[in-house]
Amino acid sequence: MAQEVLLGLFDNLEATTAVLRDLERQNIPDRNIEVMSNVPYAPKVLGRRPTRQWPFLPFVLAGVLGGLAIALFIVVITPRLYPIIVGGQPLTPFPPSAIIVFEFVALGAMAGGFIGFLLQNRYPVLVRQMYDPRISEGYIGVAVRADDQAADSVADIFAAHNAHDVVREDAARYPVQSRRFLAFWAGLAVVGLLALLAPLLLTYNIIDIPWFNQMRESPSIGFQEGPRRAAPAESIPIQGPVLINGQPATEPLPASEESLQRGQLLYEVNCAICHGMQGNADGSMTKYFPEAPVLTTDRVSGMADQEIFMIITLGRNRMPSLAENLTVNETWDVVNYVRALREAGQ
């Protein structure tokens, strides 16, 4: 049997209440009646029975249990699947675990309450609904879904109570949203379940994606391995040779102010730990290397610049080579600064 949707507009609350009372006498189901107004009237004000609401507490409890399950998976199960011992702490330390559990339980409760609110109010609205802009201006609209036989009686009731306007439309243009509403939330539940299960399937290797997850499995090429080729024995570095026939391959740099400043910085980084900031062999490591010489003595001052360069470059006794730490020019800067240490101490 064909159905129609009728919308009557009324300008006062008394007429609206009388219309609803007459519709009830005509055995129009309450679910087929919708009152629209820019004022949120309570059902009792309109003489209607309060809309039956779903219990709100189960949604909140479901959210709490869901949040608790996720939190326990994070703080209890995951550390045991991938144990990492940090600072002697247990796999599930109490203070941070308690915070995580509290946060997820609170988030779950809020999410469950929000979803319960949407379901109780049948949001979102996924179908076209009859509406008149004049409702926003103060009129009260009463929309009734009825079959063809009852539609004329509904129109008569609207007219009897001085409806400002009555609109009649084929109900096929305004389908009931129950099926779409249920399909929407069922689809959303499936998507949420898949989003929750996907990390679990990956965590337990039910879905195994071949990919390295440890540094030792990372592709890498070690020193002088793979496509690299060792340079020929006669080759010279691009910056030039350091030594030729056991002697410096370059001339000393002038002891300019810039060279001394650079040499001081390099000395403090590479040399002061043993020789001391002023070259007095009182660095922090001197107790382990008591043979470190004082750099302000006549013996050191009598050395040629080339000899000091060779000692820094190749090392001597327990002093390591600094060839990898300093370039050729930086070595000459350090030589100039070592020369200046005695002058600064005099």
C-alpha atoms as a PDB file:
ATOM      1  CA  MET A   1       0.000   0.000   0.000  1.00  0.00           C
ATOM      2  CA  ALA A   2       1.352   3.404  -0.988  1.00  0.00           C
ATOM      3  CA  GLN A   3       2.252   5.864   1.719  1.00  0.00           C
ATOM      4  CA  GLU A   4       2.438   9.626   1.961  1.00  0.00           C
ATOM      5  CA  VAL A   5       4.341  12.062   4.165  1.00  0.00           C
ATOM      6  CA  LEU A   6       2.388  15.100   5.326  1.00  0.00           C
ATOM      7  CA  LEU A   7       3.945  18.176   6.920  1.00  0.00           C
ATOM      8  CA  GLY A   8       1.748  20.669   8.765  1.00  0.00           C
ATOM      9  CA  LEU A   9       3.030  24.020  10.032  1.00  0.00           C
ATOM     10  CA  PHE A  10       1.599  25.563  13.210  1.00  0.00           C
ATOM     11  CA  ASP A  11       2.382  28.850  14.886  1.00  0.00           C
ATOM     12  CA  ASN A  12       1.550  27.937  18.499  1.00  0.00           C
ATOM     13  CA  LEU A  13       2.168  25.122  20.936  1.00  0.00           C
ATOM     14  CA  GLU A  14      -1.520  24.579  21.865  1.00  0.00           C
ATOM     15  CA  ALA A  15      -2.542  23.759  18.303  1.00  0.00           C
ATOM     16  CA  THR A  16       0.436  21.400  17.947  1.00  0.00           C
ATOM     17  CA  THR A  17      -0.504  19.550  21.147  1.00  0.00           C
ATOM     18  CA  ALA A  18      -4.117  19.203  19.974  1.00  0.00           C
ATOM     19  CA  VAL A  19      -2.966  17.832  16.608  1.00  0.00           C
ATOM     20  CA  LEU A  20      -0.797  15.214  18.282  1.00  0.00           C
ATOM     21  CA  ARG A  21      -3.701  14.202  20.516  1.00  0.00           C
ATOM     22  CA  ASP A  22      -6.044  13.766  17.533  1.00  0.00           C
ATOM     23  CA  LEU A  23      -3.395  11.795  15.611  1.00  0.00           C
ATOM     24  CA  GLU A  24      -3.139   9.416  18.553  1.00  0.00           C
ATOM     25  CA  ARG A  25      -6.921   8.938  18.455  1.00  0.00           C
ATOM     26  CA  GLN A  26      -6.638   8.033  14.781  1.00  0.00           C
ATOM     27  CA  ASN A  27      -4.217   5.240  15.803  1.00  0.00           C
ATOM     28  CA  ILE A  28      -1.264   6.807  13.976  1.00  0.00           C
ATOM     29  CA  PRO A  29       1.832   5.099  15.464  1.00  0.00           C
ATOM     30  CA  ASP A  30       4.024   7.460  17.429  1.00  0.00           C
ATOM     31  CA  ARG A  31       7.074   6.287  15.477  1.00  0.00           C
ATOM     32  CA  ASN A  32       5.460   7.722  12.314  1.00  0.00           C
ATOM     33  CA  ILE A  33       5.129  11.186  13.855  1.00  0.00           C
ATOM     34  CA  GLU A  34       7.963  13.700  14.042  1.00  0.00           C
ATOM     35  CA  VAL A  35       7.777  17.154  15.602  1.00  0.00           C
ATOM     36  CA  MET A  36      10.270  19.748  14.332  1.00  0.00           C
ATOM     37  CA  SER A  37      10.885  23.051  16.072  1.00  0.00           C
ATOM     38  CA  ASN A  38      13.643  25.535  16.752  1.00  0.00           C
ATOM     39  CA  VAL A  39      12.829  25.074  20.454  1.00  0.00           C
ATOM     40  CA  PRO A  40      13.718  21.701  22.048  1.00  0.00           C
ATOM     41  CA  TYR A  41      10.328  20.907  23.613  1.00  0.00           C
ATOM     42  CA  ALA A  42      10.271  17.922  25.948  1.00  0.00           C
ATOM     43  CA  PRO A  43       7.863  15.127  24.897  1.00  0.00           C
ATOM     44  CA  LYS A  44       5.723  15.696  28.009  1.00  0.00           C
ATOM     45  CA  VAL A  45       5.123  19.317  27.008  1.00  0.00           C
ATOM     46  CA  LEU A  46       3.612  18.080  23.744  1.00  0.00           C
ATOM     47  CA  GLY A  47       1.587  15.368  25.453  1.00  0.00           C
ATOM     48  CA  ARG A  48       3.703  12.586  23.955  1.00  0.00           C
ATOM     49  CA  ARG A  49       5.275   9.653  25.684  1.00  0.00           C
ATOM     50  CA  PRO A  50       9.039  10.034  26.161  1.00  0.00           C
ATOM     51  CA  THR A  51      11.041   8.341  23.451  1.00  0.00           C
ATOM     52  CA  ARG A  52      12.365   5.015  24.576  1.00  0.00           C
ATOM     53  CA  GLN A  53      16.131   5.293  24.859  1.00  0.00           C
ATOM     54  CA  TRP A  54      18.691   2.550  24.808  1.00  0.00           C
ATOM     55  CA  PRO A  55      20.511   2.087  28.133  1.00  0.00           C
ATOM     56  CA  PHE A  56      23.483   4.452  28.139  1.00  0.00           C
ATOM     57  CA  LEU A  57      25.634   2.669  30.718  1.00  0.00           C
ATOM     58  CA  PRO A  58      26.398  -0.439  28.593  1.00  0.00           C
ATOM     59  CA  PHE A  59      28.040   1.733  25.944  1.00  0.00           C
ATOM     60  CA  VAL A  60      30.298   3.340  28.550  1.00  0.00           C
ATOM     61  CA  LEU A  61      31.152  -0.042  30.093  1.00  0.00           C
ATOM     62  CA  ALA A  62      31.904  -1.489  26.655  1.00  0.00           C
ATOM     63  CA  GLY A  63      34.250   1.432  25.975  1.00  0.00           C
ATOM     64  CA  VAL A  64      35.948   0.940  29.351  1.00  0.00           C
ATOM     65  CA  LEU A  65      36.500  -2.772  28.691  1.00  0.00           C
ATOM     66  CA  GLY A  66      37.771  -2.078  25.172  1.00  0.00           C
ATOM     67  CA  GLY A  67      40.216   0.560  26.411  1.00  0.00           C
ATOM     68  CA  LEU A  68      41.376  -1.739  29.210  1.00  0.00           C
ATOM     69  CA  ALA A  69      41.992  -4.582  26.751  1.00  0.00           C
ATOM     70  CA  ILE A  70      44.073  -2.363  24.468  1.00  0.00           C
ATOM     71  CA  ALA A  71      46.052  -0.958  27.402  1.00  0.00           C
ATOM     72  CA  LEU A  72      46.824  -4.435  28.788  1.00  0.00           C
ATOM     73  CA  PHE A  73      47.937  -5.570  25.356  1.00  0.00           C
ATOM     74  CA  ILE A  74      50.334  -2.637  25.169  1.00  0.00           C
ATOM     75  CA  VAL A  75      51.798  -2.813  28.704  1.00  0.00           C
ATOM     76  CA  VAL A  76      51.680  -6.560  29.392  1.00  0.00           C
ATOM     77  CA  ILE A  77      51.602  -8.641  26.214  1.00  0.00           C
ATOM     78  CA  THR A  78      53.712  -6.547  23.836  1.00  0.00           C
ATOM     79  CA  PRO A  79      56.763  -6.257  26.186  1.00  0.00           C
ATOM     80  CA  ARG A  80      56.785 -10.036  26.487  1.00  0.00           C
ATOM     81  CA  LEU A  81      56.605 -10.520  22.752  1.00  0.00           C
ATOM     82  CA  TYR A  82      59.476  -8.081  22.229  1.00  0.00           C
ATOM     83  CA  PRO A  83      61.319  -7.873  25.560  1.00  0.00           C
ATOM     84  CA  ILE A  84      63.682  -4.946  26.078  1.00  0.00           C
ATOM     85  CA  ILE A  85      65.382  -4.664  29.472  1.00  0.00           C
ATOM     86  CA  VAL A  86      66.111  -1.018  30.308  1.00  0.00           C
ATOM     87  CA  GLY A  87      67.945  -0.011  33.452  1.00  0.00           C
ATOM     88  CA  GLY A  88      67.019  -3.164  35.315  1.00  0.00           C
ATOM     89  CA  GLN A  89      63.309  -2.241  35.194  1.00  0.00           C
ATOM     90  CA  PRO A  90      60.662  -4.993  34.931  1.00  0.00           C
ATOM     91  CA  LEU A  91      59.016  -5.570  31.565  1.00  0.00           C
ATOM     92  CA  THR A  92      55.843  -3.955  32.922  1.00  0.00           C
ATOM     93  CA  PRO A  93      56.918  -1.113  35.252  1.00  0.00           C
ATOM     94  CA  PHE A  94      54.024   0.053  37.391  1.00  0.00           C
ATOM     95  CA  PRO A  95      54.083   3.900  37.169  1.00  0.00           C
ATOM     96  CA  PRO A  96      54.097   4.281  33.358  1.00  0.00           C
ATOM     97  CA  SER A  97      51.836   1.232  32.940  1.00  0.00           C
ATOM     98  CA  ALA A  98      49.265   2.709  35.331  1.00  0.00           C
ATOM     99  CA  ILE A  99      49.244   5.955  33.349  1.00  0.00           C
ATOM    100  CA  ILE A 100      48.762   4.110  30.051  1.00  0.00           C
ATOM    101  CA  VAL A 101      45.923   1.993  31.484  1.00  0.00           C
ATOM    102  CA  PHE A 102      44.202   5.073  32.921  1.00  0.00           C
ATOM    103  CA  GLU A 103      44.452   6.982  29.648  1.00  0.00           C
ATOM    104  CA  PHE A 104      43.079   4.169  27.515  1.00  0.00           C
ATOM    105  CA  VAL A 105      40.257   3.402  29.968  1.00  0.00           C
ATOM    106  CA  ALA A 106      39.274   7.091  30.005  1.00  0.00           C
ATOM    107  CA  LEU A 107      39.449   7.303  26.208  1.00  0.00           C
ATOM    108  CA  GLY A 108      37.403   4.113  25.883  1.00  0.00           C
ATOM    109  CA  ALA A 109      34.733   5.435  28.242  1.00  0.00           C
ATOM    110  CA  MET A 110      34.475   8.693  26.296  1.00  0.00           C
ATOM    111  CA  ALA A 111      34.388   6.900  22.933  1.00  0.00           C
ATOM    112  CA  GLY A 112      31.719   4.477  24.164  1.00  0.00           C
ATOM    113  CA  GLY A 113      29.602   7.301  25.579  1.00  0.00           C
ATOM    114  CA  PHE A 114      29.907   9.281  22.349  1.00  0.00           C
ATOM    115  CA  ILE A 115      28.886   6.298  20.218  1.00  0.00           C
ATOM    116  CA  GLY A 116      25.966   5.619  22.578  1.00  0.00           C
ATOM    117  CA  PHE A 117      24.821   9.239  22.195  1.00  0.00           C
ATOM    118  CA  LEU A 118      24.893   8.958  18.400  1.00  0.00           C
ATOM    119  CA  LEU A 119      22.979   5.687  18.410  1.00  0.00           C
ATOM    120  CA  GLN A 120      20.315   6.912  20.811  1.00  0.00           C
ATOM    121  CA  ASN A 121      19.699   9.963  18.664  1.00  0.00           C
ATOM    122  CA  ARG A 122      19.892   7.936  15.452  1.00  0.00           C
ATOM    123  CA  TYR A 123      22.773   9.892  13.995  1.00  0.00           C
ATOM    124  CA  PRO A 124      23.899  10.282  11.339  1.00  0.00           C
ATOM    125  CA  VAL A 125      20.786  10.980   9.266  1.00  0.00           C
ATOM    126  CA  LEU A 126      21.436   9.235   5.958  1.00  0.00           C
ATOM    127  CA  VAL A 127      18.133   9.777   4.145  1.00  0.00           C
ATOM    128  CA  ARG A 128      16.274  12.759   2.792  1.00  0.00           C
ATOM    129  CA  GLN A 129      13.817  14.264   5.265  1.00  0.00           C
ATOM    130  CA  MET A 130      10.848  16.557   4.755  1.00  0.00           C
ATOM    131  CA  TYR A 131      11.588  20.024   6.090  1.00  0.00           C
ATOM    132  CA  ASP A 132      10.389  23.593   5.672  1.00  0.00           C
ATOM    133  CA  PRO A 133      12.677  26.606   6.259  1.00  0.00           C
ATOM    134  CA  ARG A 134       9.872  28.349   8.115  1.00  0.00           C
ATOM    135  CA  ILE A 135      10.439  25.960  11.020  1.00  0.00           C
ATOM    136  CA  SER A 136      13.696  27.797  11.726  1.00  0.00           C
ATOM    137  CA  GLU A 137      11.734  31.057  11.873  1.00  0.00           C
ATOM    138  CA  GLY A 138       9.472  29.897  14.708  1.00  0.00           C
ATOM    139  CA  TYR A 139       6.844  27.601  13.225  1.00  0.00           C
ATOM    140  CA  ILE A 140       6.333  24.100  14.612  1.00  0.00           C
ATOM    141  CA  GLY A 141       6.268  21.350  12.014  1.00  0.00           C
ATOM    142  CA  VAL A 142       4.451  18.048  12.447  1.00  0.00           C
ATOM    143  CA  ALA A 143       5.464  15.394   9.901  1.00  0.00           C
ATOM    144  CA  VAL A 144       3.305  12.277   9.652  1.00  0.00           C
ATOM    145  CA  ARG A 145       3.916   9.135   7.606  1.00  0.00           C
ATOM    146  CA  ALA A 146       0.619   7.444   6.774  1.00  0.00           C
ATOM    147  CA  ASP A 147      -0.917   5.217   4.109  1.00  0.00           C
ATOM    148  CA  ASP A 148      -3.250   6.634   1.483  1.00  0.00           C
ATOM    149  CA  GLN A 149      -6.396   5.854   3.455  1.00  0.00           C
ATOM    150  CA  ALA A 150      -5.205   7.625   6.616  1.00  0.00           C
ATOM    151  CA  ALA A 151      -3.485  10.512   4.799  1.00  0.00           C
ATOM    152  CA  ASP A 152      -6.790  12.310   4.143  1.00  0.00           C
ATOM    153  CA  SER A 153      -7.727  12.040   7.833  1.00  0.00           C
ATOM    154  CA  VAL A 154      -4.341  13.496   8.805  1.00  0.00           C
ATOM    155  CA  ALA A 155      -4.852  16.385   6.389  1.00  0.00           C
ATOM    156  CA  ASP A 156      -8.301  17.013   7.896  1.00  0.00           C
ATOM    157  CA  ILE A 157      -6.794  17.106  11.398  1.00  0.00           C
ATOM    158  CA  PHE A 158      -4.185  19.638  10.239  1.00  0.00           C
ATOM    159  CA  ALA A 159      -6.891  21.794   8.668  1.00  0.00           C
ATOM    160  CA  ALA A 160      -9.157  21.536  11.731  1.00  0.00           C
ATOM    161  CA  HIS A 161      -6.432  23.061  13.892  1.00  0.00           C
ATOM    162  CA  ASN A 162      -5.697  25.911  11.495  1.00  0.00           C
ATOM    163  CA  ALA A 163      -2.429  24.683  10.032  1.00  0.00           C
ATOM    164  CA  HIS A 164      -0.578  27.548   8.400  1.00  0.00           C
ATOM    165  CA  ASP A 165       0.362  25.253   5.529  1.00  0.00           C
ATOM    166  CA  VAL A 166       0.125  21.562   4.662  1.00  0.00           C
ATOM    167  CA  VAL A 167       2.552  19.791   2.334  1.00  0.00           C
ATOM    168  CA  ARG A 168       1.879  16.289   0.998  1.00  0.00           C
ATOM    169  CA  GLU A 169       4.583  14.221  -0.675  1.00  0.00           C
ATOM    170  CA  ASP A 170       5.019  10.644  -1.827  1.00  0.00           C
ATOM    171  CA  ALA A 171       6.701   8.687   0.973  1.00  0.00           C
ATOM    172  CA  ALA A 172       8.983   7.036  -1.575  1.00  0.00           C
ATOM    173  CA  ARG A 173      10.911  10.330  -1.752  1.00  0.00           C
ATOM    174  CA  TYR A 174      11.571  10.187   1.982  1.00  0.00           C
ATOM    175  CA  PRO A 175      12.573   6.606   2.811  1.00  0.00           C
ATOM    176  CA  VAL A 176      12.858   5.371   6.380  1.00  0.00           C
ATOM    177  CA  GLN A 177      16.505   5.402   7.382  1.00  0.00           C
ATOM    178  CA  SER A 178      16.488   2.280   9.576  1.00  0.00           C
ATOM    179  CA  ARG A 179      18.200   0.038   7.035  1.00  0.00           C
ATOM    180  CA  ARG A 180      20.788   2.593   6.001  1.00  0.00           C
ATOM    181  CA  PHE A 181      21.365   3.521   9.625  1.00  0.00           C
ATOM    182  CA  LEU A 182      22.012  -0.095  10.617  1.00  0.00           C
ATOM    183  CA  ALA A 183      24.157  -0.682   7.516  1.00  0.00           C
ATOM    184  CA  PHE A 184      26.265   2.381   8.304  1.00  0.00           C
ATOM    185  CA  TRP A 185      26.999   1.334  11.886  1.00  0.00           C
ATOM    186  CA  ALA A 186      27.535  -2.303  10.905  1.00  0.00           C
ATOM    187  CA  GLY A 187      30.060  -1.222   8.269  1.00  0.00           C
ATOM    188  CA  LEU A 188      31.746   1.127  10.728  1.00  0.00           C
ATOM    189  CA  ALA A 189      31.979  -1.692  13.264  1.00  0.00           C
ATOM    190  CA  VAL A 190      33.576  -3.989  10.673  1.00  0.00           C
ATOM    191  CA  VAL A 191      36.115  -1.325   9.694  1.00  0.00           C
ATOM    192  CA  GLY A 192      36.942  -0.683  13.373  1.00  0.00           C
ATOM    193  CA  LEU A 193      37.335  -4.396  14.028  1.00  0.00           C
ATOM    194  CA  LEU A 194      39.678  -4.789  11.071  1.00  0.00           C
ATOM    195  CA  ALA A 195      41.696  -1.763  12.196  1.00  0.00           C
ATOM    196  CA  LEU A 196      42.031  -3.398  15.619  1.00  0.00           C
ATOM    197  CA  LEU A 197      42.852  -6.870  14.310  1.00  0.00           C
ATOM    198  CA  ALA A 198      45.419  -5.796  11.709  1.00  0.00           C
ATOM    199  CA  PRO A 199      48.123  -4.867  14.285  1.00  0.00           C
ATOM    200  CA  LEU A 200      47.415  -8.100  16.163  1.00  0.00           C
ATOM    201  CA  LEU A 201      47.789 -10.188  13.019  1.00  0.00           C
ATOM    202  CA  LEU A 202      51.096  -8.480  12.275  1.00  0.00           C
ATOM    203  CA  THR A 203      52.275  -8.734  15.884  1.00  0.00           C
ATOM    204  CA  TYR A 204      51.710 -12.483  16.066  1.00  0.00           C
ATOM    205  CA  ASN A 205      53.125 -13.016  12.543  1.00  0.00           C
ATOM    206  CA  ILE A 206      49.799 -14.365  11.281  1.00  0.00           C
ATOM    207  CA  ILE A 207      50.361 -11.884   8.482  1.00  0.00           C
ATOM    208  CA  ASP A 208      54.089 -11.932   7.815  1.00  0.00           C
ATOM    209  CA  ILE A 209      55.576  -9.158   5.706  1.00  0.00           C
ATOM    210  CA  PRO A 210      59.212  -9.927   4.843  1.00  0.00           C
ATOM    211  CA  TRP A 211      61.152  -6.964   6.122  1.00  0.00           C
ATOM    212  CA  PHE A 212      64.210  -6.577   8.305  1.00  0.00           C
ATOM    213  CA  ASN A 213      63.575  -5.299  11.829  1.00  0.00           C
ATOM    214  CA  GLN A 214      67.030  -5.545  13.377  1.00  0.00           C
ATOM    215  CA  MET A 215      70.226  -3.635  12.656  1.00  0.00           C
ATOM    216  CA  ARG A 216      72.181  -6.803  12.021  1.00  0.00           C
ATOM    217  CA  GLU A 217      69.743  -7.677   9.239  1.00  0.00           C
ATOM    218  CA  SER A 218      69.984  -4.260   7.591  1.00  0.00           C
ATOM    219  CA  PRO A 219      71.783  -4.243   4.249  1.00  0.00           C
ATOM    220  CA  SER A 220      75.123  -2.515   4.630  1.00  0.00           C
ATOM    221  CA  ILE A 221      78.581  -2.389   3.105  1.00  0.00           C
ATOM    222  CA  GLY A 222      81.534  -2.525   5.450  1.00  0.00           C
ATOM    223  CA  PHE A 223      84.870  -0.772   5.053  1.00  0.00           C
ATOM    224  CA  GLN A 224      86.567  -1.817   1.802  1.00  0.00           C
ATOM    225  CA  GLU A 225      83.759  -4.282   1.045  1.00  0.00           C
ATOM    226  CA  GLY A 226      81.272  -4.693  -1.732  1.00  0.00           C
ATOM    227  CA  PRO A 227      81.824  -2.570  -4.836  1.00  0.00           C
ATOM    228  CA  ARG A 228      84.606  -0.517  -3.248  1.00  0.00           C
ATOM    229  CA  ARG A 229      88.102  -1.159  -4.521  1.00  0.00           C
ATOM    230  CA  ALA A 230      91.312  -0.453  -2.707  1.00  0.00           C
ATOM    231  CA  ALA A 231      93.364   2.365  -4.174  1.00  0.00           C
ATOM    232  CA  PRO A 232      96.626   1.380  -5.911  1.00  0.00           C
ATOM    233  CA  ALA A 233      99.718   1.545  -3.749  1.00  0.00           C
ATOM    234  CA  GLU A 234     101.142   4.438  -5.789  1.00  0.00           C
ATOM    235  CA  SER A 235      98.000   6.563  -5.577  1.00  0.00           C
ATOM    236  CA  ILE A 236      97.996   9.921  -3.794  1.00  0.00           C
ATOM    237  CA  PRO A 237      95.032  11.262  -1.750  1.00  0.00           C
ATOM    238  CA  ILE A 238      93.140  14.080  -3.399  1.00  0.00           C
ATOM    239  CA  GLN A 239      94.318  16.475  -0.699  1.00  0.00           C
ATOM    240  CA  GLY A 240      97.916  15.500  -1.453  1.00  0.00           C
ATOM    241  CA  PRO A 241     100.415  13.195   0.267  1.00  0.00           C
ATOM    242  CA  VAL A 242     101.100  13.522   3.991  1.00  0.00           C
ATOM    243  CA  LEU A 243     104.591  12.074   3.993  1.00  0.00           C
ATOM    244  CA  ILE A 244     107.231  11.515   1.324  1.00  0.00           C
ATOM    245  CA  ASN A 245     110.172   9.290   2.193  1.00  0.00           C
ATOM    246  CA  GLY A 246     109.303   9.516   5.897  1.00  0.00           C
ATOM    247  CA  GLN A 247     109.226  13.318   5.927  1.00  0.00           C
ATOM    248  CA  PRO A 248     106.366  15.861   5.784  1.00  0.00           C
ATOM    249  CA  ALA A 249     105.249  16.371   2.205  1.00  0.00           C
ATOM    250  CA  THR A 250     104.311  20.019   2.890  1.00  0.00           C
ATOM    251  CA  GLU A 251     105.978  23.109   4.249  1.00  0.00           C
ATOM    252  CA  PRO A 252     105.037  24.526   7.678  1.00  0.00           C
ATOM    253  CA  LEU A 253     102.265  27.110   7.718  1.00  0.00           C
ATOM    254  CA  PRO A 254     103.111  30.612   8.902  1.00  0.00           C
ATOM    255  CA  ALA A 255     102.328  31.107  12.591  1.00  0.00           C
ATOM    256  CA  SER A 256      99.684  33.719  11.901  1.00  0.00           C
ATOM    257  CA  GLU A 257      97.046  34.760  14.445  1.00  0.00           C
ATOM    258  CA  GLU A 258      94.415  32.721  12.595  1.00  0.00           C
ATOM    259  CA  SER A 259      96.652  29.633  12.575  1.00  0.00           C
ATOM    260  CA  LEU A 260      97.298  29.961  16.322  1.00  0.00           C
ATOM    261  CA  GLN A 261      93.566  30.301  17.026  1.00  0.00           C
ATOM    262  CA  ARG A 262      92.803  27.197  14.991  1.00  0.00           C
ATOM    263  CA  GLY A 263      95.696  25.358  16.603  1.00  0.00           C
ATOM    264  CA  GLN A 264      94.468  26.213  20.107  1.00  0.00           C
ATOM    265  CA  LEU A 265      91.015  24.772  19.426  1.00  0.00           C
ATOM    266  CA  LEU A 266      92.459  21.621  17.869  1.00  0.00           C
ATOM    267  CA  TYR A 267      94.980  21.237  20.692  1.00  0.00           C
ATOM    268  CA  GLU A 268      92.294  21.515  23.361  1.00  0.00           C
ATOM    269  CA  VAL A 269      90.224  18.824  21.641  1.00  0.00           C
ATOM    270  CA  ASN A 270      92.990  16.331  20.774  1.00  0.00           C
ATOM    271  CA  CYS A 271      95.996  16.996  23.008  1.00  0.00           C
ATOM    272  CA  ALA A 272      95.067  18.730  26.272  1.00  0.00           C
ATOM    273  CA  ILE A 273      93.598  15.552  27.757  1.00  0.00           C
ATOM    274  CA  CYS A 274      97.174  14.313  28.333  1.00  0.00           C
ATOM    275  CA  HIS A 275      99.479  17.313  27.878  1.00  0.00           C
ATOM    276  CA  GLY A 276      97.313  19.787  29.799  1.00  0.00           C
ATOM    277  CA  MET A 277      95.792  23.058  28.679  1.00  0.00           C
ATOM    278  CA  GLN A 278      99.103  24.914  29.076  1.00  0.00           C
ATOM    279  CA  GLY A 279     101.324  22.022  27.964  1.00  0.00           C
ATOM    280  CA  ASN A 280     102.379  21.192  31.559  1.00  0.00           C
ATOM    281  CA  ALA A 281     101.442  17.477  31.348  1.00  0.00           C
ATOM    282  CA  ASP A 282      98.640  17.907  33.879  1.00  0.00           C
ATOM    283  CA  GLY A 283      95.667  16.731  31.813  1.00  0.00           C
ATOM    284  CA  SER A 284      92.919  14.492  33.133  1.00  0.00           C
ATOM    285  CA  MET A 285      94.553  11.380  31.608  1.00  0.00           C
ATOM    286  CA  THR A 286      98.072  12.112  32.790  1.00  0.00           C
ATOM    287  CA  LYS A 287      97.707   9.733  35.747  1.00  0.00           C
ATOM    288  CA  TYR A 288      97.297   6.897  33.252  1.00  0.00           C
ATOM    289  CA  PHE A 289     100.062   8.179  30.954  1.00  0.00           C
ATOM    290  CA  PRO A 290     102.672   9.683  33.294  1.00  0.00           C
ATOM    291  CA  GLU A 291     105.235   9.643  30.485  1.00  0.00           C
ATOM    292  CA  ALA A 292     103.387  12.420  28.635  1.00  0.00           C
ATOM    293  CA  PRO A 293     106.075  15.120  28.205  1.00  0.00           C
ATOM    294  CA  VAL A 294     105.806  18.761  29.219  1.00  0.00           C
ATOM    295  CA  LEU A 295     105.628  20.754  25.998  1.00  0.00           C
ATOM    296  CA  THR A 296     107.283  23.897  27.323  1.00  0.00           C
ATOM    297  CA  THR A 297     110.711  22.342  28.029  1.00  0.00           C
ATOM    298  CA  ASP A 298     113.915  23.091  26.149  1.00  0.00           C
ATOM    299  CA  ARG A 299     113.864  19.600  24.633  1.00  0.00           C
ATOM    300  CA  VAL A 300     110.522  20.178  22.922  1.00  0.00           C
ATOM    301  CA  SER A 301     111.434  23.719  21.965  1.00  0.00           C
ATOM    302  CA  GLY A 302     114.598  22.415  20.329  1.00  0.00           C
ATOM    303  CA  MET A 303     112.700  20.081  18.034  1.00  0.00           C
ATOM    304  CA  ALA A 304     112.227  21.078  14.415  1.00  0.00           C
ATOM    305  CA  ASP A 305     108.726  21.779  13.216  1.00  0.00           C
ATOM    306  CA  GLN A 306     108.964  18.736  10.930  1.00  0.00           C
ATOM    307  CA  GLU A 307     109.758  16.456  13.896  1.00  0.00           C
ATOM    308  CA  ILE A 308     106.759  17.691  15.899  1.00  0.00           C
ATOM    309  CA  PHE A 309     104.638  17.207  12.765  1.00  0.00           C
ATOM    310  CA  MET A 310     105.887  13.603  12.471  1.00  0.00           C
ATOM    311  CA  ILE A 311     105.127  12.841  16.131  1.00  0.00           C
ATOM    312  CA  ILE A 312     101.560  14.181  15.810  1.00  0.00           C
ATOM    313  CA  THR A 313     101.019  12.334  12.532  1.00  0.00           C
ATOM    314  CA  LEU A 314     102.590   8.957  13.379  1.00  0.00           C
ATOM    315  CA  GLY A 315     102.479   8.950  17.182  1.00  0.00           C
ATOM    316  CA  ARG A 316     105.318   8.012  19.512  1.00  0.00           C
ATOM    317  CA  ASN A 317     105.531   5.444  22.313  1.00  0.00           C
ATOM    318  CA  ARG A 318     102.033   5.366  23.891  1.00  0.00           C
ATOM    319  CA  MET A 319     100.882   8.490  22.117  1.00  0.00           C
ATOM    320  CA  PRO A 320      98.520   7.426  19.291  1.00  0.00           C
ATOM    321  CA  SER A 321      98.634   8.742  15.747  1.00  0.00           C
ATOM    322  CA  LEU A 322      96.327  11.698  15.098  1.00  0.00           C
ATOM    323  CA  ALA A 323      96.463  11.339  11.325  1.00  0.00           C
ATOM    324  CA  GLU A 324      92.783  10.421  11.195  1.00  0.00           C
ATOM    325  CA  ASN A 325      91.813  13.308  13.474  1.00  0.00           C
ATOM    326  CA  LEU A 326      93.719  16.135  11.788  1.00  0.00           C
ATOM    327  CA  THR A 327      94.301  17.165   8.218  1.00  0.00           C
ATOM    328  CA  VAL A 328      97.750  18.218   7.091  1.00  0.00           C
ATOM    329  CA  ASN A 329      97.080  21.939   7.534  1.00  0.00           C
ATOM    330  CA  GLU A 330      95.414  21.342  10.914  1.00  0.00           C
ATOM    331  CA  THR A 331      98.529  19.464  12.047  1.00  0.00           C
ATOM    332  CA  TRP A 332     100.687  22.463  11.140  1.00  0.00           C
ATOM    333  CA  ASP A 333      98.283  24.698  13.096  1.00  0.00           C
ATOM    334  CA  VAL A 334      98.806  22.492  16.160  1.00  0.00           C
ATOM    335  CA  VAL A 335     102.570  22.636  15.640  1.00  0.00           C
ATOM    336  CA  ASN A 336     102.409  26.444  15.639  1.00  0.00           C
ATOM    337  CA  TYR A 337     100.346  26.437  18.836  1.00  0.00           C
ATOM    338  CA  VAL A 338     102.743  24.011  20.590  1.00  0.00           C
ATOM    339  CA  ARG A 339     105.555  26.416  19.697  1.00  0.00           C
ATOM    340  CA  ALA A 340     103.582  29.283  21.220  1.00  0.00           C
ATOM    341  CA  LEU A 341     102.938  27.492  24.531  1.00  0.00           C
ATOM    342  CA  ARG A 342     106.449  28.210  25.878  1.00  0.00           C
ATOM    343  CA  GLU A 343     106.261  31.854  24.887  1.00  0.00           C
ATOM    344  CA  ALA A 344     102.866  32.139  26.625  1.00  0.00           C
ATOM    345  CA  GLY A 345     104.303  30.592  29.813  1.00  0.00           C
ATOM    346  CA  GLN A 346     107.330  32.849  30.010  1.00  0.00           C
END
